[in-house]
Each structure stands twice: as C-alpha cells, then as structure tokens.
C-alpha cells in the first residue's frame, strides 16, 4: 500500500543561513564544494568558520556554493 518514498531534493533557492539548520543541506553543500574549495577544510575550526559564514550570509544555497568555489 505504501508508495515509494520520494527522494529528498534540496531547495537551492533557500537562504543558506536557514538551510544549514538541516543536516541534509550541510551534506549537500559539502558534497558540492569540490576542490579547491574543500582543500582548505583540514580541521574542525575551518569547517566551523564555513558554517559561521553560512549562518551570517544573505546568499541562497546555490549562491553560497558558487561563492565558496570561487565562481
């Protein structure tokens, strides 16, 4: 009776500062930050600074990813 569960799709137009409250968005962002953006994430403090920037940003998820990638 139960149908197939719908796969989660992120809303990349959502503001990143609210999106990071959901672990799925955090994973999505990190998955989309390819090198060289992730090369600088070598320790917990660096990762924490990334989330602080995200929490204070007026960018959408998509804009934040592009910005972090240097695009």
PDB file of N, CA and C in Angstrom:
ATOM      1  N   UNK A   1       0.799  -1.204   0.000  1.00  0.00           N
ATOM      2  CA  UNK A   1       0.000   0.000   0.000  1.00  0.00           C
ATOM      3  C   UNK A   1       0.842   1.269   0.000  1.00  0.00           C
ATOM      4  N   UNK A   2       1.988   1.160   0.637  1.00  0.00           N
ATOM      5  CA  UNK A   2       2.815   2.352   0.705  1.00  0.00           C
ATOM      6  C   UNK A   2       3.574   2.534  -0.592  1.00  0.00           C
ATOM      7  N   UNK A   3       3.525   3.742  -1.104  1.00  0.00           N
ATOM      8  CA  UNK A   3       4.240   4.037  -2.334  1.00  0.00           C
ATOM      9  C   UNK A   3       5.710   4.243  -2.069  1.00  0.00           C
ATOM     10  N   UNK A   4       6.422   4.367  -3.101  1.00  0.00           N
ATOM     11  CA  UNK A   4       7.854   4.613  -2.997  1.00  0.00           C
ATOM     12  C   UNK A   4       8.063   5.989  -2.382  1.00  0.00           C
ATOM     13  N   UNK A   5       8.965   6.045  -1.402  1.00  0.00           N
ATOM     14  CA  UNK A   5       9.231   7.317  -0.735  1.00  0.00           C
ATOM     15  C   UNK A   5       9.955   8.257  -1.698  1.00  0.00           C
ATOM     16  N   UNK A   6       9.508   9.483  -1.744  1.00  0.00           N
ATOM     17  CA  UNK A   6      10.093  10.472  -2.640  1.00  0.00           C
ATOM     18  C   UNK A   6      11.488  10.846  -2.146  1.00  0.00           C
ATOM     19  N   UNK A   7      12.417  10.902  -3.079  1.00  0.00           N
ATOM     20  CA  UNK A   7      13.790  11.269  -2.755  1.00  0.00           C
ATOM     21  C   UNK A   7      13.847  12.754  -2.415  1.00  0.00           C
ATOM     22  N   UNK A   8      14.631  13.090  -1.409  1.00  0.00           N
ATOM     23  CA  UNK A   8      14.776  14.476  -0.971  1.00  0.00           C
ATOM     24  C   UNK A   8      15.509  15.282  -2.039  1.00  0.00           C
ATOM     25  N   UNK A   9      14.953  16.435  -2.359  1.00  0.00           N
ATOM     26  CA  UNK A   9      15.579  17.359  -3.291  1.00  0.00           C
ATOM     27  C   UNK A   9      15.731  18.702  -2.595  1.00  0.00           C
ATOM     28  N   UNK A  10      16.947  19.194  -2.501  1.00  0.00           N
ATOM     29  CA  UNK A  10      17.159  20.470  -1.813  1.00  0.00           C
ATOM     30  C   UNK A  10      16.609  21.644  -2.607  1.00  0.00           C
ATOM     31  N   UNK A  11      16.164  22.633  -1.882  1.00  0.00           N
ATOM     32  CA  UNK A  11      15.738  23.891  -2.485  1.00  0.00           C
ATOM     33  C   UNK A  11      16.954  24.805  -2.494  1.00  0.00           C
ATOM     34  N   UNK A  12      17.639  24.891  -3.621  1.00  0.00           N
ATOM     35  CA  UNK A  12      18.873  25.672  -3.693  1.00  0.00           C
ATOM     36  C   UNK A  12      18.613  27.175  -3.698  1.00  0.00           C
ATOM     37  N   UNK A  13      17.339  27.571  -3.773  1.00  0.00           N
ATOM     38  CA  UNK A  13      16.981  28.988  -3.690  1.00  0.00           C
ATOM     39  C   UNK A  13      16.700  29.414  -2.254  1.00  0.00           C
ATOM     40  N   UNK A  14      16.779  28.480  -1.333  1.00  0.00           N
ATOM     41  CA  UNK A  14      16.571  28.766   0.089  1.00  0.00           C
ATOM     42  C   UNK A  14      17.797  29.503   0.630  1.00  0.00           C
ATOM     43  N   UNK A  15      17.582  30.421   1.566  1.00  0.00           N
ATOM     44  CA  UNK A  15      18.710  31.128   2.164  1.00  0.00           C
ATOM     45  C   UNK A  15      19.589  30.134   2.910  1.00  0.00           C
ATOM     46  N   UNK A  16      20.878  30.243   2.675  1.00  0.00           N
ATOM     47  CA  UNK A  16      21.819  29.294   3.267  1.00  0.00           C
ATOM     48  C   UNK A  16      21.817  29.379   4.790  1.00  0.00           C
ATOM     49  N   UNK A  17      21.591  30.576   5.340  1.00  0.00           N
ATOM     50  CA  UNK A  17      21.641  30.724   6.806  1.00  0.00           C
ATOM     51  C   UNK A  17      20.550  29.918   7.502  1.00  0.00           C
ATOM     52  N   UNK A  18      19.422  29.710   6.863  1.00  0.00           N
ATOM     53  CA  UNK A  18      18.387  28.875   7.471  1.00  0.00           C
ATOM     54  C   UNK A  18      18.539  27.417   7.053  1.00  0.00           C
ATOM     55  N   UNK A  19      19.061  27.187   5.860  1.00  0.00           N
ATOM     56  CA  UNK A  19      19.199  25.825   5.352  1.00  0.00           C
ATOM     57  C   UNK A  19      20.177  24.996   6.178  1.00  0.00           C
ATOM     58  N   UNK A  20      21.220  25.626   6.704  1.00  0.00           N
ATOM     59  CA  UNK A  20      22.239  24.850   7.416  1.00  0.00           C
ATOM     60  C   UNK A  20      21.744  24.290   8.749  1.00  0.00           C
ATOM     61  N   UNK A  21      20.546  24.630   9.128  1.00  0.00           N
ATOM     62  CA  UNK A  21      19.957  24.033  10.333  1.00  0.00           C
ATOM     63  C   UNK A  21      19.504  22.603  10.060  1.00  0.00           C
ATOM     64  N   UNK A  22      19.492  22.203   8.803  1.00  0.00           N
ATOM     65  CA  UNK A  22      19.102  20.866   8.368  1.00  0.00           C
ATOM     66  C   UNK A  22      20.363  20.134   7.901  1.00  0.00           C
ATOM     67  N   UNK A  23      20.695  19.037   8.530  1.00  0.00           N
ATOM     68  CA  UNK A  23      21.915  18.289   8.201  1.00  0.00           C
ATOM     69  C   UNK A  23      21.985  17.897   6.734  1.00  0.00           C
ATOM     70  N   UNK A  24      20.840  17.672   6.119  1.00  0.00           N
ATOM     71  CA  UNK A  24      20.845  17.300   4.702  1.00  0.00           C
ATOM     72  C   UNK A  24      21.439  18.408   3.849  1.00  0.00           C
ATOM     73  N   UNK A  25      21.148  19.661   4.192  1.00  0.00           N
ATOM     74  CA  UNK A  25      21.717  20.779   3.444  1.00  0.00           C
ATOM     75  C   UNK A  25      23.215  20.895   3.691  1.00  0.00           C
ATOM     76  N   UNK A  26      23.639  20.668   4.914  1.00  0.00           N
ATOM     77  CA  UNK A  26      25.078  20.708   5.215  1.00  0.00           C
ATOM     78  C   UNK A  26      25.811  19.686   4.363  1.00  0.00           C
ATOM     79  N   UNK A  27      25.286  18.478   4.305  1.00  0.00           N
ATOM     80  CA  UNK A  27      25.896  17.432   3.480  1.00  0.00           C
ATOM     81  C   UNK A  27      25.868  17.809   2.011  1.00  0.00           C
ATOM     82  N   UNK A  28      24.742  18.351   1.574  1.00  0.00           N
ATOM     83  CA  UNK A  28      24.601  18.767   0.178  1.00  0.00           C
ATOM     84  C   UNK A  28      25.653  19.819  -0.178  1.00  0.00           C
ATOM     85  N   UNK A  29      25.823  20.804   0.682  1.00  0.00           N
ATOM     86  CA  UNK A  29      26.799  21.874   0.434  1.00  0.00           C
ATOM     87  C   UNK A  29      28.204  21.294   0.364  1.00  0.00           C
ATOM     88  N   UNK A  30      28.571  20.471   1.338  1.00  0.00           N
ATOM     89  CA  UNK A  30      29.912  19.895   1.332  1.00  0.00           C
ATOM     90  C   UNK A  30      30.136  19.003   0.120  1.00  0.00           C
ATOM     91  N   UNK A  31      29.119  18.260  -0.275  1.00  0.00           N
ATOM     92  CA  UNK A  31      29.239  17.403  -1.456  1.00  0.00           C
ATOM     93  C   UNK A  31      29.471  18.214  -2.724  1.00  0.00           C
ATOM     94  N   UNK A  32      28.940  19.429  -2.765  1.00  0.00           N
ATOM     95  CA  UNK A  32      29.062  20.259  -3.962  1.00  0.00           C
ATOM     96  C   UNK A  32      30.243  21.219  -3.917  1.00  0.00           C
ATOM     97  N   UNK A  33      30.935  21.248  -2.810  1.00  0.00           N
ATOM     98  CA  UNK A  33      32.162  22.043  -2.736  1.00  0.00           C
ATOM     99  C   UNK A  33      33.317  21.144  -3.138  1.00  0.00           C
ATOM    100  N   UNK A  34      33.601  21.147  -4.407  1.00  0.00           N
ATOM    101  CA  UNK A  34      34.693  20.340  -4.931  1.00  0.00           C
ATOM    102  C   UNK A  34      35.995  21.099  -4.762  1.00  0.00           C
ATOM    103  N   UNK A  35      37.067  20.415  -5.022  1.00  0.00           N
ATOM    104  CA  UNK A  35      38.369  21.068  -4.948  1.00  0.00           C
ATOM    105  C   UNK A  35      38.417  22.259  -5.881  1.00  0.00           C
ATOM    106  N   UNK A  36      39.066  23.335  -5.588  1.00  0.00           N
ATOM    107  CA  UNK A  36      39.926  23.562  -4.438  1.00  0.00           C
ATOM    108  C   UNK A  36      39.190  24.044  -3.196  1.00  0.00           C
ATOM    109  N   UNK A  37      37.884  24.250  -3.268  1.00  0.00           N
ATOM    110  CA  UNK A  37      37.142  24.810  -2.121  1.00  0.00           C
ATOM    111  C   UNK A  37      37.287  23.954  -0.869  1.00  0.00           C
ATOM    112  N   UNK A  38      37.267  22.637  -1.001  1.00  0.00           N
ATOM    113  CA  UNK A  38      37.342  21.778   0.180  1.00  0.00           C
ATOM    114  C   UNK A  38      38.768  21.492   0.621  1.00  0.00           C
ATOM    115  N   UNK A  39      39.762  21.857  -0.169  1.00  0.00           N
ATOM    116  CA  UNK A  39      41.147  21.613   0.222  1.00  0.00           C
ATOM    117  C   UNK A  39      41.517  22.388   1.473  1.00  0.00           C
ATOM    118  N   UNK A  40      40.860  23.522   1.686  1.00  0.00           N
ATOM    119  CA  UNK A  40      41.142  24.318   2.872  1.00  0.00           C
ATOM    120  C   UNK A  40      40.464  23.803   4.127  1.00  0.00           C
ATOM    121  N   UNK A  41      39.578  22.832   4.000  1.00  0.00           N
ATOM    122  CA  UNK A  41      38.876  22.282   5.160  1.00  0.00           C
ATOM    123  C   UNK A  41      39.676  21.090   5.667  1.00  0.00           C
ATOM    124  N   UNK A  42      40.635  21.396   6.534  1.00  0.00           N
ATOM    125  CA  UNK A  42      41.514  20.351   7.040  1.00  0.00           C
ATOM    126  C   UNK A  42      41.276  20.056   8.509  1.00  0.00           C
ATOM    127  N   UNK A  43      40.500  20.894   9.153  1.00  0.00           N
ATOM    128  CA  UNK A  43      40.244  20.674  10.568  1.00  0.00           C
ATOM    129  C   UNK A  43      38.861  21.206  10.943  1.00  0.00           C
ATOM    130  N   UNK A  44      38.475  20.926  12.164  1.00  0.00           N
ATOM    131  CA  UNK A  44      37.138  21.298  12.638  1.00  0.00           C
ATOM    132  C   UNK A  44      36.965  22.815  12.677  1.00  0.00           C
ATOM    133  N   UNK A  45      37.995  23.543  13.065  1.00  0.00           N
ATOM    134  CA  UNK A  45      37.877  25.006  13.146  1.00  0.00           C
ATOM    135  C   UNK A  45      37.584  25.622  11.784  1.00  0.00           C
ATOM    136  N   UNK A  46      38.214  25.105  10.756  1.00  0.00           N
ATOM    137  CA  UNK A  46      37.967  25.610   9.405  1.00  0.00           C
ATOM    138  C   UNK A  46      36.534  25.323   8.980  1.00  0.00           C
ATOM    139  N   UNK A  47      36.064  24.132   9.293  1.00  0.00           N
ATOM    140  CA  UNK A  47      34.680  23.777   8.981  1.00  0.00           C
ATOM    141  C   UNK A  47      33.704  24.654   9.763  1.00  0.00           C
ATOM    142  N   UNK A  48      34.015  24.902  11.031  1.00  0.00           N
ATOM    143  CA  UNK A  48      33.155  25.778  11.839  1.00  0.00           C
ATOM    144  C   UNK A  48      33.088  27.176  11.245  1.00  0.00           C
ATOM    145  N   UNK A  49      34.214  27.688  10.744  1.00  0.00           N
ATOM    146  CA  UNK A  49      34.215  29.025  10.128  1.00  0.00           C
ATOM    147  C   UNK A  49      33.338  29.049   8.875  1.00  0.00           C
ATOM    148  N   UNK A  50      33.341  27.942   8.115  1.00  0.00           N
ATOM    149  CA  UNK A  50      32.467  27.860   6.942  1.00  0.00           C
ATOM    150  C   UNK A  50      31.016  28.005   7.361  1.00  0.00           C
ATOM    151  N   UNK A  51      30.610  27.300   8.421  1.00  0.00           N
ATOM    152  CA  UNK A  51      29.216  27.357   8.873  1.00  0.00           C
ATOM    153  C   UNK A  51      28.880  28.705   9.502  1.00  0.00           C
ATOM    154  N   UNK A  52      29.858  29.371  10.126  1.00  0.00           N
ATOM    155  CA  UNK A  52      29.614  30.726  10.648  1.00  0.00           C
ATOM    156  C   UNK A  52      29.342  31.670   9.488  1.00  0.00           C
ATOM    157  N   UNK A  53      30.159  31.573   8.429  1.00  0.00           N
ATOM    158  CA  UNK A  53      29.919  32.418   7.241  1.00  0.00           C
ATOM    159  C   UNK A  53      28.540  32.131   6.655  1.00  0.00           C
ATOM    160  N   UNK A  54      28.181  30.865   6.585  1.00  0.00           N
ATOM    161  CA  UNK A  54      26.867  30.498   6.043  1.00  0.00           C
ATOM    162  C   UNK A  54      25.746  31.047   6.914  1.00  0.00           C
ATOM    163  N   UNK A  55      25.915  30.981   8.224  1.00  0.00           N
ATOM    164  CA  UNK A  55      24.856  31.423   9.149  1.00  0.00           C
ATOM    165  C   UNK A  55      24.636  32.930   9.112  1.00  0.00           C
ATOM    166  N   UNK A  56      25.612  33.677   8.602  1.00  0.00           N
ATOM    167  CA  UNK A  56      25.505  35.133   8.548  1.00  0.00           C
ATOM    168  C   UNK A  56      25.257  35.644   7.131  1.00  0.00           C
ATOM    169  N   UNK A  57      25.091  34.726   6.200  1.00  0.00           N
ATOM    170  CA  UNK A  57      25.004  35.087   4.786  1.00  0.00           C
ATOM    171  C   UNK A  57      23.576  35.388   4.340  1.00  0.00           C
ATOM    172  N   UNK A  58      23.475  36.295   3.389  1.00  0.00           N
ATOM    173  CA  UNK A  58      22.199  36.592   2.731  1.00  0.00           C
ATOM    174  C   UNK A  58      22.090  35.871   1.396  1.00  0.00           C
ATOM    175  N   UNK A  59      23.028  34.959   1.122  1.00  0.00           N
ATOM    176  CA  UNK A  59      23.037  34.215  -0.133  1.00  0.00           C
ATOM    177  C   UNK A  59      22.097  33.014  -0.062  1.00  0.00           C
ATOM    178  N   UNK A  60      21.706  32.557  -1.239  1.00  0.00           N
ATOM    179  CA  UNK A  60      20.968  31.300  -1.312  1.00  0.00           C
ATOM    180  C   UNK A  60      21.987  30.153  -1.219  1.00  0.00           C
ATOM    181  N   UNK A  61      21.494  28.947  -1.090  1.00  0.00           N
ATOM    182  CA  UNK A  61      22.371  27.777  -1.048  1.00  0.00           C
ATOM    183  C   UNK A  61      23.222  27.720  -2.319  1.00  0.00           C
ATOM    184  N   UNK A  62      22.596  27.893  -3.473  1.00  0.00           N
ATOM    185  CA  UNK A  62      23.320  27.837  -4.745  1.00  0.00           C
ATOM    186  C   UNK A  62      24.381  28.938  -4.833  1.00  0.00           C
ATOM    187  N   UNK A  63      24.036  30.155  -4.438  1.00  0.00           N
ATOM    188  CA  UNK A  63      24.993  31.263  -4.473  1.00  0.00           C
ATOM    189  C   UNK A  63      26.159  31.009  -3.528  1.00  0.00           C
ATOM    190  N   UNK A  64      25.867  30.485  -2.340  1.00  0.00           N
ATOM    191  CA  UNK A  64      26.914  30.209  -1.355  1.00  0.00           C
ATOM    192  C   UNK A  64      27.889  29.162  -1.890  1.00  0.00           C
ATOM    193  N   UNK A  65      27.368  28.124  -2.507  1.00  0.00           N
ATOM    194  CA  UNK A  65      28.235  27.093  -3.079  1.00  0.00           C
ATOM    195  C   UNK A  65      29.121  27.698  -4.168  1.00  0.00           C
ATOM    196  N   UNK A  66      28.517  28.479  -5.067  1.00  0.00           N
ATOM    197  CA  UNK A  66      29.313  29.107  -6.134  1.00  0.00           C
ATOM    198  C   UNK A  66      30.367  30.041  -5.550  1.00  0.00           C
ATOM    199  N   UNK A  67      29.998  30.812  -4.541  1.00  0.00           N
ATOM    200  CA  UNK A  67      30.935  31.744  -3.914  1.00  0.00           C
ATOM    201  C   UNK A  67      32.097  30.983  -3.272  1.00  0.00           C
ATOM    202  N   UNK A  68      31.787  29.927  -2.540  1.00  0.00           N
ATOM    203  CA  UNK A  68      32.837  29.150  -1.886  1.00  0.00           C
ATOM    204  C   UNK A  68      33.758  28.463  -2.882  1.00  0.00           C
ATOM    205  N   UNK A  69      33.216  28.141  -4.043  1.00  0.00           N
ATOM    206  CA  UNK A  69      34.024  27.503  -5.090  1.00  0.00           C
ATOM    207  C   UNK A  69      34.842  28.529  -5.866  1.00  0.00           C
ATOM    208  N   UNK A  70      34.596  29.813  -5.600  1.00  0.00           N
ATOM    209  CA  UNK A  70      35.335  30.860  -6.274  1.00  0.00           C
ATOM    210  C   UNK A  70      34.819  31.180  -7.650  1.00  0.00           C
ATOM    211  N   UNK A  71      33.565  30.886  -7.890  1.00  0.00           N
ATOM    212  CA  UNK A  71      32.972  31.151  -9.218  1.00  0.00           C
ATOM    213  C   UNK A  71      32.351  32.528  -9.274  1.00  0.00           C
TER     214      UNK A  71
END
